[in-house]
Each structure stands twice: as C-alpha cells, then as structure tokens.
Amino acid sequence: MTVSQYNQTILFEDTPLSLDCGADLSPVTVAFETYGTLNLDRSNAVLICHALTGDQYVASPHPTTGKPGWWSRLVGPGKIIDTEKYYVICSNVLGSCLGTTGPSSINPATGKEWGLGFPVITIRDMVKVQAELIQQLGIETLFAVIGGSMGGMQVLEWLCNYPERLTSAVALATTARHTAQNIAFHEVGRQAIMADANWNGGQYYQVEKSPNKGLSVARMTAHITYLSEDALTQKFGRNLQERDKVTFGFDADFQVESYLRHQGMTFVDRFDANSYLYITRAMDYLDIAARYNNRLAEAFQRAAHVRCCVVSFTSDWLYPTAENKNIVHALNASGVPVSFAEIESPHGHDSFLLDLPEMDKMIAGFLNSCARSAGLRAL
C-alpha cells in the first residue's frame, strides 16, 4: 500500500515570486503530496513533475475521480520509484487548479477569483516555485527530478537553472521548445474555450455555468495528439458505437467519436478552463535555447555533474524522437553524462504513462546505478 501525505504550504510571502512576464506574485500557495521518508542526510528526495493535465496525485487516488494515481504503477513500496528507499514529492504546478495558485484562486487584492487577471506564466516560473518548495522542505539537493511531457520540460528547466541542486534527472517524451505544430494544436483548444458562450472573458466563477463545452473540445483535440494512428486503429478502427449501421446524422456513430466525447466530458469535472489556457500558453512559450544564443548546449553547461536519462517512443509524433535527440546532443556537447533510449511502442505520446517493460527497465537501471554512485544511504 502506498501511503501519501497531502500538504499545502504558502511561499513567497515576504519576497514575491518574480515571473518571466515581469509581474510579481505574492503569496503563492502550493499543494503537494509526499510518499516515503526523508533519510537522515536528506539525500533521497525525488521530485516528480506532472504533465499538462496531471496533478500531484502521482501515486494516490484522485479526490474528484477516485481513480488511482497517474503513475501508481511506478511509484510505491518495492516499485521502480521505491517509496521505501526514496522520499517522493509531487507538487501541483503554478497556474493549475488543484490547490496551487492559479487563475481560479482568490486574488488577495480583489477578494475574487483571478480569472484573466492572473499573470501569464512560463515553465521556468513553475520550476521556480518547485525550487522554493524544496528549499522550504529543508532539502538542499534532489537525488532525482523525473517527468514526462510537460513534466520533462520542467526537468530541463531544473537542469538549466538549478543544476547544483541535482544528482540525476530523467526526461521522458519531451522537448526543449514548442514547434509551430505544437502551438497550433494548443491554439485550437484555447479558441474552443474562448468561443464558449459561458467563458465570459474568463469571469465565470461567480455564475452557475462554466465553459464546459469549449473545455471538452479542447481536451478532445489534445487527446488525439497523445495517441498514434496505429493505437486509434487497433483500438477502434471504423467500428460503430452500439449500432449496426450509420445513422446519416451527427450522433457518435463511431466508437472513436464516443471515446473522445467521453474524454472531453469527464475532463471538465476535474479541470479549470482558465488553467488550461494558462498552462498551454506556458508550454508554447518554452524555447530554452533562445535564452542561450540559440545554442541549447549552453543551457546545460553547469550540469556536467548531473547524470541524465532521456527516453523517447517510436510512435510519439507530438514530441518525436528527433526532439529528444536534440536534447541528448546538447547534453553531450556540454559534457553531461546522458543515457538515451528510443523505445518501441504503438501507443503514441502517452506511452510514458503506460505499462512498457523496456521503459521500466531503463528507469530502474538508471536510478539504481545513480543510487550506487551517490552512495545513497538507506533509511
């Protein structure tokens, strides 16, 4: 059984958080879950960074849906990220809607929800908050920071901005910058939300109706990018949904249509539309090399002591292997020791969330090797 502890803390009360957009934010509330026990020399802490629609419930049931933690397969006693060996932390990112300050939070200056008054944020801003949280927990150095997709982007920002506080890093199915295609898909989702009559310029918190239709369509669009054509074909093909023939109408004739509609409808129960706008925007603004003379290798020059692992998946067309290899090449050029694997999977971008023995072996072998090299002390 994985035992977690829910926590919520307030940061940046005395000194505001300086955001990349130029605004200051104070205070900042952070919700996070912890698993396991911090050892005596505080050397066994592992930070797990969640993806766009993820949350802090990495290995414990979600309070709204009741579903198991999104990575409970890997995190827990005796598992690959062993909570009998590591002290695991997972925090809800800045801008989200599950306990951490975001657009649905109360603006202390007005006493009402921020809405679009919330300042625009970046992935680096999210990591600034994580770094402050880790500091408040009394942890000087993380044994590992691990994340996939947007979580992997956070891992890269840790390597750029706080390498002295890392021993190892694992980035899965990610990228160091958003491409035009990535931005385009996000823009379709944002426009769907803002076109919803109930969005009301982002000020829908005080009324009964929320922009659920727009948010549902945004989720449907994004979900297509998380899968591969082979995965969709194998799972649904052109199979009809509970009927023998097409209706010649606009009901969900096909199973894949019904599946996407279900994904959209269930998503609105656990996520805020404005948070979706802000977090997708943060991802779109990611371009680490642009801050380093368009040389990604320069971003990692201070991380030569950090052991890294990068994993991509053959069917991931959202953040394909080429994007992950760019990261590997930049790390190599900076003298950072890095292991890399492209893993065969038909499941598309979401592969890092699924049961893939090769990925499990890669992560387990890497963490065990790093633990031996670091002389990680038992609890």
Protein backbone atom coordinates (compact mmCIF):
# COMPACT_ATOMS: atom_id res chain seq x y z
CA MET A 1 0.00 0.00 0.00
CA THR A 2 1.30 3.45 -0.93
CA VAL A 3 0.83 5.90 1.94
CA SER A 4 0.80 9.55 0.94
CA GLN A 5 0.63 12.78 2.85
CA TYR A 6 -1.28 15.72 1.42
CA ASN A 7 0.28 19.08 2.12
CA GLN A 8 -0.40 22.69 1.26
CA THR A 9 2.05 25.46 2.01
CA ILE A 10 2.38 29.17 1.34
CA LEU A 11 5.51 30.52 -0.34
CA PHE A 12 6.79 33.94 -1.42
CA GLU A 13 5.03 35.83 1.39
CA ASP A 14 7.91 38.17 2.19
CA THR A 15 9.68 38.26 -1.17
CA PRO A 16 7.32 38.00 -4.19
CA LEU A 17 7.85 35.47 -6.96
CA SER A 18 9.35 37.32 -9.91
CA LEU A 19 7.72 35.95 -13.07
CA ASP A 20 9.21 35.86 -16.56
CA CYS A 21 6.42 38.15 -17.80
CA GLY A 22 7.73 40.90 -15.49
CA ALA A 23 4.98 40.66 -12.88
CA ASP A 24 5.40 39.75 -9.22
CA LEU A 25 3.17 37.24 -7.46
CA SER A 26 2.68 37.02 -3.69
CA PRO A 27 1.77 34.90 -1.86
CA VAL A 28 1.84 31.57 -3.72
CA THR A 29 0.05 28.53 -2.32
CA VAL A 30 1.41 25.13 -3.36
CA ALA A 31 -0.39 21.80 -2.95
CA PHE A 32 1.78 18.70 -2.94
CA GLU A 33 1.85 15.04 -1.99
CA THR A 34 4.75 13.21 -0.38
CA TYR A 35 5.46 9.50 -0.13
CA GLY A 36 8.06 7.69 1.95
CA THR A 37 10.51 9.12 4.47
CA LEU A 38 13.36 11.57 4.12
CA ASN A 39 16.60 9.92 5.25
CA LEU A 40 18.96 11.37 7.84
CA ASP A 41 21.23 13.21 5.41
CA ARG A 42 18.27 14.30 3.26
CA SER A 43 19.83 12.75 0.17
CA ASN A 44 16.98 10.51 -1.05
CA ALA A 45 14.43 13.07 -2.26
CA VAL A 46 12.87 12.51 -5.70
CA LEU A 47 10.76 15.22 -7.32
CA ILE A 48 8.23 14.01 -9.88
CA CYS A 49 6.90 16.65 -12.27
CA HIS A 50 3.45 16.17 -13.77
CA ALA A 51 2.23 16.83 -17.31
CA LEU A 52 -0.30 19.37 -18.61
CA THR A 53 -3.48 17.84 -17.24
CA GLY A 54 -1.76 15.90 -14.46
CA ASP A 55 -1.66 16.68 -10.77
CA GLN A 56 0.12 15.97 -7.52
CA TYR A 57 -1.69 12.66 -7.05
CA VAL A 58 1.07 10.62 -8.67
CA ALA A 59 0.53 7.51 -6.55
CA SER A 60 -2.64 8.17 -4.56
CA PRO A 61 -6.32 8.26 -5.55
CA HIS A 62 -7.60 11.43 -7.18
CA PRO A 63 -10.06 13.12 -4.78
CA THR A 64 -12.54 14.02 -7.54
CA THR A 65 -12.45 10.99 -9.82
CA GLY A 66 -11.40 8.33 -7.33
CA LYS A 67 -9.03 6.90 -9.93
CA PRO A 68 -5.59 5.59 -8.90
CA GLY A 69 -2.61 7.94 -9.10
CA TRP A 70 -1.44 8.58 -12.63
CA TRP A 71 1.92 6.83 -12.04
CA SER A 72 0.97 4.48 -9.21
CA ARG A 73 2.34 1.66 -11.36
CA LEU A 74 5.86 3.03 -10.87
CA VAL A 75 5.69 4.81 -7.50
CA GLY A 76 5.24 2.91 -4.26
CA PRO A 77 6.81 0.40 -1.86
CA GLY A 78 9.05 -2.01 -3.75
CA LYS A 79 8.24 -0.40 -7.09
CA ILE A 80 10.68 1.23 -9.51
CA ILE A 81 10.48 4.55 -7.68
CA ASP A 82 10.56 2.80 -4.34
CA THR A 83 8.97 4.80 -1.52
CA GLU A 84 10.75 2.55 0.97
CA LYS A 85 14.01 3.90 -0.45
CA TYR A 86 13.14 7.37 -1.76
CA TYR A 87 11.23 10.34 -0.38
CA VAL A 88 8.95 11.23 -3.29
CA ILE A 89 7.47 14.68 -3.77
CA CYS A 90 4.95 15.72 -6.42
CA SER A 91 3.51 19.24 -6.43
CA ASN A 92 0.67 20.77 -8.39
CA VAL A 93 2.20 23.28 -10.83
CA LEU A 94 1.76 27.03 -10.68
CA GLY A 95 -1.32 28.02 -12.71
CA SER A 96 -3.15 24.77 -12.13
CA CYS A 97 -6.40 24.21 -10.26
CA LEU A 98 -5.82 21.53 -7.64
CA GLY A 99 -4.63 23.58 -4.70
CA THR A 100 -1.77 25.60 -6.18
CA THR A 101 -2.23 29.28 -7.00
CA GLY A 102 -3.76 29.78 -10.44
CA PRO A 103 -6.49 31.72 -12.24
CA SER A 104 -9.23 30.05 -10.17
CA SER A 105 -7.55 31.14 -6.92
CA ILE A 106 -8.61 34.23 -4.99
CA ASN A 107 -6.74 37.40 -5.86
CA PRO A 108 -5.90 38.93 -2.46
CA ALA A 109 -6.19 42.42 -3.94
CA THR A 110 -9.82 41.97 -5.03
CA GLY A 111 -11.18 39.13 -2.92
CA LYS A 112 -12.40 37.45 -6.12
CA GLU A 113 -11.00 34.80 -8.45
CA TRP A 114 -8.09 35.96 -10.59
CA GLY A 115 -9.57 34.88 -13.93
CA LEU A 116 -7.62 36.53 -16.75
CA GLY A 117 -6.15 38.96 -14.23
CA PHE A 118 -3.72 36.18 -13.32
CA PRO A 119 -0.28 36.92 -14.81
CA VAL A 120 0.90 34.80 -17.72
CA ILE A 121 3.40 32.17 -16.58
CA THR A 122 6.15 30.00 -18.04
CA ILE A 123 7.56 26.55 -17.37
CA ARG A 124 10.54 28.25 -15.72
CA ASP A 125 8.14 30.04 -13.36
CA MET A 126 6.67 26.67 -12.38
CA VAL A 127 10.15 25.40 -11.58
CA LYS A 128 10.97 28.49 -9.52
CA VAL A 129 8.04 27.57 -7.30
CA GLN A 130 9.17 23.94 -7.07
CA ALA A 131 12.70 25.04 -6.12
CA GLU A 132 11.32 27.25 -3.34
CA LEU A 133 9.15 24.38 -2.09
CA ILE A 134 12.12 22.00 -2.00
CA GLN A 135 14.11 24.62 -0.11
CA GLN A 136 11.31 25.03 2.44
CA LEU A 137 11.28 21.27 2.96
CA GLY A 138 14.92 21.54 4.02
CA ILE A 139 16.27 19.65 1.02
CA GLU A 140 19.45 21.08 -0.48
CA THR A 141 19.95 18.51 -3.24
CA LEU A 142 17.44 16.29 -5.02
CA PHE A 143 18.55 12.74 -5.73
CA ALA A 144 16.45 12.89 -8.90
CA VAL A 145 13.96 15.02 -10.77
CA ILE A 146 11.72 13.00 -13.10
CA GLY A 147 8.98 13.93 -15.56
CA GLY A 148 7.35 13.17 -18.88
CA SER A 149 5.89 15.54 -21.49
CA MET A 150 5.39 18.91 -19.74
CA GLY A 151 6.97 17.24 -16.72
CA GLY A 152 10.05 16.63 -18.86
CA MET A 153 10.12 20.32 -19.75
CA GLN A 154 10.30 21.08 -16.05
CA VAL A 155 13.18 18.60 -15.72
CA LEU A 156 15.07 20.52 -18.43
CA GLU A 157 14.44 23.83 -16.66
CA TRP A 158 15.83 22.31 -13.45
CA LEU A 159 18.95 21.32 -15.38
CA CYS A 160 19.30 24.87 -16.72
CA ASN A 161 18.50 26.85 -13.60
CA TYR A 162 19.29 24.68 -10.58
CA PRO A 163 21.85 22.05 -11.65
CA GLU A 164 23.78 22.44 -8.39
CA ARG A 165 20.73 21.07 -6.58
CA LEU A 166 20.50 17.87 -8.65
CA THR A 167 22.20 14.48 -8.62
CA SER A 168 20.28 12.95 -11.52
CA ALA A 169 17.47 13.73 -13.96
CA VAL A 170 15.06 11.70 -16.09
CA ALA A 171 13.18 13.31 -19.01
CA LEU A 172 10.60 11.27 -20.92
CA ALA A 173 8.87 12.08 -24.22
CA THR A 174 9.61 15.78 -24.09
CA THR A 175 11.11 18.74 -25.93
CA ALA A 176 13.19 21.84 -25.24
CA ARG A 177 10.93 24.06 -27.35
CA HIS A 178 7.43 24.04 -28.75
CA THR A 179 7.19 23.80 -32.51
CA ALA A 180 4.69 25.63 -34.72
CA GLN A 181 2.59 22.45 -34.88
CA ASN A 182 2.57 22.13 -31.09
CA ILE A 183 1.47 25.74 -30.74
CA ALA A 184 -1.18 25.29 -33.43
CA PHE A 185 -2.89 22.40 -31.64
CA HIS A 186 -2.92 24.35 -28.37
CA GLU A 187 -4.37 27.39 -30.09
CA VAL A 188 -7.29 25.34 -31.42
CA GLY A 189 -8.03 24.26 -27.85
CA ARG A 190 -7.77 27.77 -26.46
CA GLN A 191 -10.04 29.17 -29.14
CA ALA A 192 -12.61 26.46 -28.40
CA ILE A 193 -12.66 27.56 -24.75
CA MET A 194 -12.83 31.28 -25.51
CA ALA A 195 -15.57 30.74 -28.11
CA ASP A 196 -17.80 29.08 -25.50
CA ALA A 197 -20.63 31.48 -24.61
CA ASN A 198 -20.15 30.61 -20.94
CA TRP A 199 -16.48 31.59 -20.86
CA ASN A 200 -17.47 35.22 -20.29
CA GLY A 201 -13.98 36.63 -20.73
CA GLY A 202 -12.69 34.25 -18.07
CA GLN A 203 -15.09 35.53 -15.41
CA TYR A 204 -17.34 32.51 -15.00
CA TYR A 205 -16.58 31.61 -11.38
CA GLN A 206 -19.42 33.59 -9.87
CA VAL A 207 -22.10 32.12 -12.11
CA GLU A 208 -23.62 28.65 -12.41
CA LYS A 209 -22.47 27.92 -15.95
CA SER A 210 -18.86 27.20 -16.92
CA PRO A 211 -17.34 26.89 -20.43
CA ASN A 212 -17.56 23.10 -20.28
CA LYS A 213 -18.30 22.61 -23.97
CA GLY A 214 -15.23 24.57 -25.02
CA LEU A 215 -13.00 22.86 -22.49
CA SER A 216 -14.34 19.48 -23.59
CA VAL A 217 -13.48 20.19 -27.24
CA ALA A 218 -10.01 21.41 -26.19
CA ARG A 219 -9.44 18.14 -24.36
CA MET A 220 -10.69 16.09 -27.30
CA THR A 221 -8.32 17.88 -29.68
CA ALA A 222 -5.33 17.45 -27.39
CA HIS A 223 -6.13 13.82 -26.68
CA ILE A 224 -5.79 12.98 -30.38
CA THR A 225 -2.18 14.23 -30.23
CA TYR A 226 -1.42 11.93 -27.30
CA LEU A 227 -2.24 8.82 -29.32
CA SER A 228 -0.86 7.33 -32.52
CA GLU A 229 -2.76 6.41 -35.67
CA ASP A 230 -1.92 2.75 -35.05
CA ALA A 231 -3.25 2.96 -31.49
CA LEU A 232 -6.52 4.50 -32.65
CA THR A 233 -6.87 1.97 -35.46
CA GLN A 234 -6.14 -1.01 -33.23
CA LYS A 235 -8.48 0.17 -30.50
CA PHE A 236 -11.38 1.48 -32.59
CA GLY A 237 -10.84 1.16 -36.34
CA ARG A 238 -14.09 2.16 -38.01
CA ASN A 239 -16.18 0.20 -35.53
CA LEU A 240 -19.65 1.56 -34.89
CA GLN A 241 -20.84 2.54 -31.43
CA GLU A 242 -23.75 0.36 -30.26
CA ARG A 243 -25.40 0.21 -33.69
CA ASP A 244 -25.41 -1.93 -36.79
CA LYS A 245 -25.29 0.85 -39.37
CA VAL A 246 -24.58 4.56 -39.62
CA THR A 247 -27.39 6.96 -38.77
CA PHE A 248 -26.68 9.52 -41.50
CA GLY A 249 -26.63 12.14 -38.75
CA PHE A 250 -24.23 13.74 -36.32
CA ASP A 251 -24.55 11.41 -33.37
CA ALA A 252 -21.50 9.43 -32.30
CA ASP A 253 -21.75 6.75 -34.97
CA PHE A 254 -18.17 5.56 -34.48
CA GLN A 255 -16.55 4.22 -31.34
CA VAL A 256 -13.68 6.69 -31.64
CA GLU A 257 -16.17 9.58 -31.58
CA SER A 258 -17.81 8.23 -28.45
CA TYR A 259 -14.41 7.74 -26.83
CA LEU A 260 -13.33 11.32 -27.49
CA ARG A 261 -16.62 12.71 -26.24
CA HIS A 262 -16.22 10.72 -23.05
CA GLN A 263 -12.69 12.05 -22.60
CA GLY A 264 -13.97 15.59 -23.00
CA MET A 265 -16.96 15.22 -20.69
CA THR A 266 -15.04 13.64 -17.82
CA PHE A 267 -12.19 16.16 -18.09
CA VAL A 268 -14.39 19.15 -17.24
CA ASP A 269 -15.17 17.62 -13.84
CA ARG A 270 -11.55 17.91 -12.70
CA PHE A 271 -10.00 20.83 -14.55
CA ASP A 272 -10.45 24.57 -14.87
CA ALA A 273 -10.80 26.16 -18.31
CA ASN A 274 -8.64 29.18 -17.47
CA SER A 275 -5.92 26.92 -16.08
CA TYR A 276 -5.94 25.10 -19.40
CA LEU A 277 -5.36 28.43 -21.18
CA TYR A 278 -2.50 29.44 -18.91
CA ILE A 279 -0.68 26.12 -18.84
CA THR A 280 -0.85 25.54 -22.59
CA ARG A 281 0.46 29.08 -23.06
CA ALA A 282 3.36 28.34 -20.72
CA MET A 283 4.25 25.30 -22.82
CA ASP A 284 4.05 27.31 -26.04
CA TYR A 285 6.49 29.88 -24.68
CA LEU A 286 9.09 27.20 -23.98
CA ASP A 287 12.23 27.74 -26.06
CA ILE A 288 15.20 27.11 -23.82
CA ALA A 289 17.86 27.64 -26.50
CA ALA A 290 16.50 31.13 -27.25
CA ARG A 291 17.75 32.23 -23.83
CA TYR A 292 21.25 30.92 -24.63
CA ASN A 293 22.13 32.45 -28.01
CA ASN A 294 20.04 29.73 -29.70
CA ARG A 295 22.57 27.14 -28.52
CA LEU A 296 20.81 24.56 -26.40
CA ALA A 297 24.13 23.11 -25.22
CA GLU A 298 24.93 26.39 -23.44
CA ALA A 299 21.86 25.88 -21.26
CA PHE A 300 23.37 22.76 -19.69
CA GLN A 301 26.96 23.90 -19.18
CA ARG A 302 26.63 23.99 -15.39
CA ALA A 303 25.10 20.49 -15.26
CA ALA A 304 28.16 18.38 -16.13
CA HIS A 305 27.98 16.61 -12.76
CA VAL A 306 24.30 15.58 -13.18
CA ARG A 307 23.63 12.12 -14.59
CA CYS A 308 20.78 12.24 -17.08
CA CYS A 309 18.43 9.82 -18.80
CA VAL A 310 16.30 10.71 -21.83
CA VAL A 311 13.66 8.40 -23.28
CA SER A 312 11.55 8.73 -26.44
CA PHE A 313 8.96 6.49 -28.09
CA THR A 314 8.79 5.42 -31.72
CA SER A 315 5.13 6.38 -32.27
CA ASP A 316 5.20 9.71 -30.42
CA TRP A 317 4.55 12.33 -33.09
CA LEU A 318 3.83 15.13 -30.59
CA TYR A 319 7.38 15.18 -29.18
CA PRO A 320 9.12 12.76 -31.54
CA THR A 321 12.47 11.07 -31.10
CA ALA A 322 14.21 13.82 -33.11
CA GLU A 323 13.22 16.40 -30.47
CA ASN A 324 14.50 14.17 -27.67
CA LYS A 325 17.73 13.51 -29.55
CA ASN A 326 18.30 17.27 -29.81
CA ILE A 327 18.28 17.34 -26.01
CA VAL A 328 20.70 14.40 -25.84
CA HIS A 329 23.08 16.03 -28.31
CA ALA A 330 23.02 19.28 -26.33
CA LEU A 331 23.72 17.44 -23.08
CA ASN A 332 26.60 15.55 -24.70
CA ALA A 333 28.04 18.77 -26.08
CA SER A 334 28.02 20.21 -22.55
CA GLY A 335 29.79 17.20 -21.10
CA VAL A 336 26.72 15.97 -19.25
CA PRO A 337 26.65 12.17 -18.85
CA VAL A 338 23.43 11.02 -20.50
CA SER A 339 21.77 7.69 -21.29
CA PHE A 340 19.26 7.58 -24.14
CA ALA A 341 16.76 5.05 -25.44
CA GLU A 342 14.11 5.13 -28.13
CA ILE A 343 11.54 2.58 -27.04
CA GLU A 344 9.27 0.72 -29.43
CA SER A 345 5.65 1.47 -28.62
CA PRO A 346 2.45 1.74 -30.68
CA HIS A 347 0.73 3.96 -28.10
CA GLY A 348 1.96 7.39 -29.12
CA HIS A 349 2.89 10.20 -26.74
CA ASP A 350 1.00 8.67 -23.80
CA SER A 351 3.43 5.73 -23.81
CA PHE A 352 5.31 7.14 -20.81
CA LEU A 353 2.17 6.67 -18.71
CA LEU A 354 1.59 3.06 -19.76
CA ASP A 355 2.95 -0.37 -18.88
CA LEU A 356 6.09 -0.70 -21.00
CA PRO A 357 8.65 -3.18 -19.61
CA GLU A 358 11.52 -1.66 -21.61
CA MET A 359 10.86 1.79 -20.17
CA ASP A 360 10.59 0.32 -16.69
CA LYS A 361 13.94 -1.45 -17.07
CA MET A 362 15.56 1.73 -18.37
CA ILE A 363 14.36 3.88 -15.47
CA ALA A 364 15.04 1.22 -12.84
CA GLY A 365 18.56 0.55 -14.11
CA PHE A 366 19.37 4.24 -14.30
CA LEU A 367 18.10 5.09 -10.80
CA ASN A 368 19.80 2.06 -9.24
CA SER A 369 23.09 2.97 -10.91
CA CYS A 370 22.82 6.57 -9.74
CA ALA A 371 21.99 5.43 -6.20
CA ARG A 372 25.09 3.23 -6.10
CA SER A 373 27.30 6.00 -7.47
CA ALA A 374 25.91 8.51 -5.00
CA GLY A 375 26.30 6.09 -2.08
CA LEU A 376 22.67 6.71 -1.23
CA ARG A 377 22.14 5.87 2.40
CA ALA A 378 19.29 3.60 3.42
CA LEU A 379 16.52 4.89 5.67
